[in-house]
Amino acid sequence: MQRKIIHIVGTGTIGEPLIGLLCDYQKQLGIDEVTFSHAVEFIGDFKQGSFILGKTDPKSVVFIDNRKIRVSNDGFFAFGLDRDRKNNVLIKIKNKNETKVIEKKVFKRKYKIQRIDGLPPKQVTPPPEVFDRIKRDNKLIGKARAIDSKLVFFKDKFIYPIDKYIITGVYGSQRILNGKPRRPHYGIDFHAPEGTPVRAMMDGEVTLVEKDMYFTGGTLIFDHGHGISTLFMHMKDINVKLGQKVKKGEIVGTLGQSGRATGPHLDIRLNWFEVKLDPQTILK
């Protein structure tokens, strides 16, 4: 005899009451089994450099390209797409009832070319005597970006770090310094007068405080949870300490031109662990 199985997809405001109703009247309706799977929601564009916010059943196990990632108690997770990613992203979601595999196409972006001429040679190619210093700086930044905390601030709306500004550099642009191609720019440059107050873009915890890094000068990193962090560069004054909890909008220092900078500006970065993302994708 054929069994009658009812499968419900989604457990939101309609799905959950429907599941309960079917279970209550299972015998009367002649239903042998009621099964369900949780819907998966994504916020963000699947294009190079994007931050993606996801939501699913809190009990699910989520893999991004076979990398297991953290899921919050209310079902949120986050990940990002590299600037030059060419292949589709594979999302695997496992729960008690099923394993769902979702493949998303990653759309290609066209990046700007930014030419800066007339720079002193050391602004383009660091001298050998600073290589150890640069190596130390990179190690400290990498350690802060590797933090995988249970914080869930990343799911809320981020704000701009300063009030009045001119954007002089954008994410992904290919930089040509004194006629020589260099690494792409991975942040947004906000030009404003030196000393302009700089605010935290989101609640978080300070995981790096350095006042004099070679490239980035006064540098701050804030952890927002699940590998999502923001990084501020070229600060003049720093008003926070390592391990301090900050609130969105709190003044954390002032804009400067420290490190390897050609003028007063704030360079902000967005990271998902080692993946460098476009900050503009959290500022819509």
Protein backbone atom coordinates (compact mmCIF):
# COMPACT_ATOMS: atom_id res chain seq x y z
CA MET A 1 0.00 0.00 0.00
CA GLN A 2 1.35 3.42 -0.96
CA ARG A 3 2.21 5.74 1.94
CA LYS A 4 0.93 9.32 1.98
CA ILE A 5 3.75 11.73 2.85
CA ILE A 6 3.28 15.52 2.98
CA HIS A 7 6.49 17.56 2.57
CA ILE A 8 6.49 21.26 3.56
CA VAL A 9 9.22 23.57 2.22
CA GLY A 10 9.88 26.58 4.46
CA THR A 11 9.20 27.13 8.15
CA GLY A 12 8.28 30.80 8.35
CA THR A 13 5.03 32.43 9.47
CA ILE A 14 3.04 30.13 7.18
CA GLY A 15 5.17 26.99 7.19
CA GLU A 16 5.40 26.42 10.94
CA PRO A 17 1.63 26.70 11.70
CA LEU A 18 0.89 24.47 8.70
CA ILE A 19 3.28 21.79 9.92
CA GLY A 20 1.67 21.89 13.37
CA LEU A 21 -1.83 21.69 11.90
CA LEU A 22 -0.99 18.72 9.69
CA CYS A 23 0.64 16.88 12.58
CA ASP A 24 -2.40 17.49 14.82
CA TYR A 25 -4.81 16.13 12.20
CA GLN A 26 -2.45 13.57 10.69
CA LYS A 27 -4.70 10.56 11.43
CA GLN A 28 -7.92 12.28 10.39
CA LEU A 29 -6.40 13.29 7.06
CA GLY A 30 -4.91 9.86 6.43
CA ILE A 31 -1.35 11.19 6.36
CA ASP A 32 1.38 8.69 7.16
CA GLU A 33 4.21 11.18 7.62
CA VAL A 34 4.77 14.95 7.66
CA THR A 35 8.26 16.08 6.65
CA PHE A 36 9.68 19.53 6.11
CA SER A 37 12.77 21.38 4.98
CA HIS A 38 13.80 24.88 5.96
CA ALA A 39 13.96 27.57 3.32
CA VAL A 40 17.31 29.26 2.76
CA GLU A 41 17.45 33.03 2.32
CA PHE A 42 20.31 35.11 0.94
CA ILE A 43 20.83 38.86 1.14
CA GLY A 44 23.46 40.24 -1.22
CA ASP A 45 24.42 40.07 -4.87
CA PHE A 46 26.37 37.02 -6.00
CA LYS A 47 29.10 38.97 -7.75
CA GLN A 48 32.84 39.32 -7.25
CA GLY A 49 33.77 41.07 -3.99
CA SER A 50 30.35 40.73 -2.37
CA PHE A 51 29.37 40.16 1.25
CA ILE A 52 26.54 37.60 1.49
CA LEU A 53 24.23 37.22 4.49
CA GLY A 54 22.36 33.93 4.78
CA LYS A 55 19.59 32.57 6.99
CA THR A 56 18.49 28.99 7.51
CA ASP A 57 17.42 26.57 10.23
CA PRO A 58 19.63 27.26 13.30
CA LYS A 59 20.29 23.53 13.65
CA SER A 60 21.67 23.26 10.12
CA VAL A 61 25.32 22.68 9.27
CA VAL A 62 26.47 24.99 6.46
CA PHE A 63 29.39 24.52 4.08
CA ILE A 64 30.65 27.11 1.60
CA ASP A 65 32.81 25.42 -1.06
CA ASN A 66 33.31 22.51 1.40
CA ARG A 67 34.38 24.95 4.15
CA LYS A 68 32.25 24.53 7.26
CA ILE A 69 31.09 27.87 8.62
CA ARG A 70 29.42 29.05 11.79
CA VAL A 71 25.61 29.36 12.05
CA SER A 72 24.14 31.59 14.78
CA ASN A 73 21.49 30.53 17.28
CA ASP A 74 18.89 32.32 15.17
CA GLY A 75 20.06 30.79 11.88
CA PHE A 76 22.25 33.53 10.40
CA PHE A 77 25.54 32.90 8.60
CA ALA A 78 27.86 35.03 6.48
CA PHE A 79 30.47 34.60 3.78
CA GLY A 80 32.12 36.55 0.98
CA LEU A 81 33.28 36.27 -2.61
CA ASP A 82 36.81 37.12 -3.69
CA ARG A 83 37.55 40.03 -6.06
CA ASP A 84 38.71 37.73 -8.84
CA ARG A 85 36.52 34.70 -8.22
CA LYS A 86 35.73 32.92 -11.49
CA ASN A 87 33.85 29.76 -10.48
CA ASN A 88 30.36 29.36 -9.03
CA VAL A 89 29.89 29.11 -5.25
CA LEU A 90 28.67 25.80 -3.84
CA ILE A 91 26.52 26.04 -0.70
CA LYS A 92 25.71 22.83 1.16
CA ILE A 93 23.16 22.87 3.99
CA LYS A 94 22.70 19.77 6.12
CA ASN A 95 19.97 19.19 8.68
CA LYS A 96 18.24 16.22 10.25
CA ASN A 97 15.91 15.60 7.33
CA GLU A 98 17.98 16.35 4.27
CA THR A 99 21.07 17.78 2.63
CA LYS A 100 20.45 20.67 0.29
CA VAL A 101 23.06 21.69 -2.30
CA ILE A 102 22.77 25.12 -3.90
CA GLU A 103 25.02 26.32 -6.68
CA LYS A 104 25.09 30.07 -7.30
CA LYS A 105 26.63 31.76 -10.31
CA VAL A 106 29.15 34.46 -9.40
CA PHE A 107 28.92 37.41 -11.77
CA LYS A 108 32.05 39.13 -13.01
CA ARG A 109 32.73 42.80 -12.34
CA LYS A 110 34.65 45.34 -14.34
CA TYR A 111 37.13 47.28 -12.23
CA LYS A 112 38.51 50.78 -12.67
CA ILE A 113 42.14 51.61 -13.39
CA GLN A 114 43.64 54.20 -11.04
CA ARG A 115 46.88 55.92 -12.06
CA ILE A 116 49.00 57.77 -9.52
CA ASP A 117 52.18 59.44 -10.78
CA GLY A 118 54.94 61.50 -9.21
CA LEU A 119 55.31 59.35 -6.10
CA PRO A 120 58.68 59.04 -4.33
CA PRO A 121 60.29 55.67 -5.22
CA LYS A 122 59.90 54.33 -1.66
CA GLN A 123 56.13 54.93 -1.94
CA VAL A 124 56.07 52.45 -4.82
CA THR A 125 58.70 49.90 -3.77
CA PRO A 126 59.59 49.61 -0.05
CA PRO A 127 63.33 49.49 0.74
CA PRO A 128 64.75 46.11 1.89
CA GLU A 129 65.38 47.37 5.44
CA VAL A 130 61.62 47.50 6.16
CA PHE A 131 60.79 43.98 4.90
CA ASP A 132 60.86 42.45 8.41
CA ARG A 133 58.59 45.22 9.68
CA ILE A 134 56.12 44.61 6.85
CA LYS A 135 56.19 40.86 7.54
CA ARG A 136 55.39 41.50 11.22
CA ASP A 137 52.54 43.87 10.31
CA ASN A 138 51.00 41.34 7.91
CA LYS A 139 51.19 38.61 10.54
CA LEU A 140 49.32 40.76 13.09
CA ILE A 141 46.63 41.68 10.57
CA GLY A 142 46.25 38.06 9.46
CA LYS A 143 45.85 36.89 13.05
CA ALA A 144 43.06 39.41 13.71
CA ARG A 145 41.26 38.53 10.48
CA ALA A 146 41.35 34.80 11.33
CA ILE A 147 39.15 35.21 14.42
CA ASP A 148 35.91 33.19 14.24
CA SER A 149 33.82 34.51 17.13
CA LYS A 150 30.17 33.88 18.00
CA LEU A 151 29.31 37.58 17.66
CA VAL A 152 26.39 38.24 15.30
CA PHE A 153 26.66 42.00 14.70
CA PHE A 154 27.35 41.38 11.01
CA LYS A 155 23.64 40.75 10.36
CA ASP A 156 22.67 44.38 11.10
CA LYS A 157 23.03 47.47 8.91
CA PHE A 158 26.49 49.06 8.81
CA ILE A 159 26.97 52.84 8.71
CA TYR A 160 29.53 55.10 7.02
CA PRO A 161 32.54 55.84 9.26
CA ILE A 162 32.59 59.60 8.65
CA ASP A 163 29.89 62.16 7.89
CA LYS A 164 31.33 64.38 5.13
CA TYR A 165 33.82 63.02 2.63
CA ILE A 166 34.93 62.64 -0.96
CA ILE A 167 35.56 59.10 -2.21
CA THR A 168 38.99 59.04 -3.87
CA GLY A 169 39.54 55.29 -4.17
CA VAL A 170 37.24 52.32 -4.70
CA TYR A 171 37.42 48.56 -4.20
CA GLY A 172 38.97 46.43 -6.89
CA SER A 173 40.63 49.20 -8.88
CA GLN A 174 43.90 48.25 -10.55
CA ARG A 175 46.52 50.70 -9.33
CA ILE A 176 49.33 51.89 -11.59
CA LEU A 177 51.95 53.74 -9.56
CA ASN A 178 54.51 55.79 -11.48
CA GLY A 179 53.56 53.79 -14.56
CA LYS A 180 54.03 50.38 -12.91
CA PRO A 181 51.06 48.02 -12.28
CA ARG A 182 50.68 47.15 -8.60
CA ARG A 183 48.24 45.16 -6.46
CA PRO A 184 44.58 46.13 -6.72
CA HIS A 185 43.03 48.37 -4.11
CA TYR A 186 40.87 46.39 -1.69
CA GLY A 187 39.07 49.18 0.16
CA ILE A 188 37.31 52.52 -0.09
CA ASP A 189 39.27 55.74 0.42
CA PHE A 190 37.39 58.57 2.14
CA HIS A 191 39.10 61.95 1.79
CA ALA A 192 38.34 64.48 4.53
CA PRO A 193 40.29 67.02 6.61
CA GLU A 194 42.88 65.58 8.97
CA GLY A 195 41.40 65.19 12.45
CA THR A 196 37.88 64.36 11.21
CA PRO A 197 36.16 62.05 13.76
CA VAL A 198 35.96 58.40 12.68
CA ARG A 199 33.10 56.20 13.89
CA ALA A 200 32.70 52.45 14.26
CA MET A 201 30.61 51.13 11.37
CA MET A 202 28.98 48.45 13.52
CA ASP A 203 29.02 47.04 17.04
CA GLY A 204 32.06 44.87 17.57
CA GLU A 205 35.22 44.09 19.49
CA VAL A 206 38.60 45.71 18.84
CA THR A 207 41.02 42.96 17.79
CA LEU A 208 43.94 45.06 16.54
CA VAL A 209 45.35 48.40 17.64
CA GLU A 210 48.57 49.53 15.97
CA LYS A 211 49.66 53.16 15.77
CA ASP A 212 52.49 52.89 13.27
CA MET A 213 52.33 50.10 10.69
CA TYR A 214 54.50 50.61 7.62
CA PHE A 215 51.81 50.65 4.94
CA THR A 216 48.70 51.43 6.95
CA GLY A 217 49.98 53.67 9.77
CA GLY A 218 47.43 53.93 12.58
CA THR A 219 45.40 50.75 12.13
CA LEU A 220 42.29 49.30 13.77
CA ILE A 221 40.43 46.03 13.20
CA PHE A 222 36.95 45.33 14.56
CA ASP A 223 35.46 41.85 14.82
CA HIS A 224 31.74 41.65 14.01
CA GLY A 225 31.42 37.87 14.25
CA HIS A 226 31.75 34.75 12.09
CA GLY A 227 34.98 35.96 10.45
CA ILE A 228 33.53 39.32 9.36
CA SER A 229 35.78 42.24 10.26
CA THR A 230 36.31 45.86 9.29
CA LEU A 231 39.72 47.50 9.11
CA PHE A 232 40.56 51.22 9.35
CA MET A 233 43.87 52.58 8.03
CA HIS A 234 45.95 55.78 8.17
CA MET A 235 44.41 56.95 11.47
CA LYS A 236 45.82 60.00 13.23
CA ASP A 237 44.47 59.45 16.76
CA ILE A 238 43.18 56.16 18.17
CA ASN A 239 40.73 56.29 21.08
CA VAL A 240 40.12 52.58 21.72
CA LYS A 241 42.06 49.71 23.26
CA LEU A 242 42.60 46.08 22.33
CA GLY A 243 39.67 43.94 23.46
CA GLN A 244 37.34 46.92 23.92
CA LYS A 245 33.68 46.54 22.95
CA VAL A 246 32.44 49.34 20.70
CA LYS A 247 29.00 50.47 19.60
CA LYS A 248 27.94 51.46 16.10
CA GLY A 249 28.54 55.18 15.68
CA GLU A 250 31.02 55.42 18.55
CA ILE A 251 34.02 57.68 17.82
CA VAL A 252 37.10 55.44 17.71
CA GLY A 253 39.68 57.99 16.56
CA THR A 254 40.43 60.62 13.94
CA LEU A 255 41.29 60.56 10.25
CA GLY A 256 44.94 61.06 9.35
CA GLN A 257 47.63 60.37 6.77
CA SER A 258 49.88 57.99 8.69
CA GLY A 259 51.73 55.12 7.04
CA ARG A 260 52.18 55.11 3.28
CA ALA A 261 49.57 57.73 2.43
CA THR A 262 49.63 60.52 -0.14
CA GLY A 263 47.25 62.75 1.81
CA PRO A 264 44.66 62.73 4.61
CA HIS A 265 42.12 59.96 4.12
CA LEU A 266 40.54 56.92 5.74
CA ASP A 267 40.95 53.60 3.93
CA ILE A 268 38.37 51.06 5.12
CA ARG A 269 38.44 47.34 4.40
CA LEU A 270 35.92 44.53 4.82
CA ASN A 271 37.07 40.96 5.32
CA TRP A 272 35.60 37.48 5.59
CA PHE A 273 38.60 35.79 7.17
CA GLU A 274 41.33 36.00 4.48
CA VAL A 275 38.90 37.04 1.71
CA LYS A 276 38.95 40.78 0.95
CA LEU A 277 35.47 42.09 0.21
CA ASP A 278 34.00 45.32 -1.15
CA PRO A 279 32.91 47.52 1.81
CA GLN A 280 30.30 49.11 -0.43
CA THR A 281 28.32 45.84 -0.30
CA ILE A 282 27.51 46.44 3.40
CA LEU A 283 26.79 50.15 2.98
CA LYS A 284 23.79 49.98 0.65
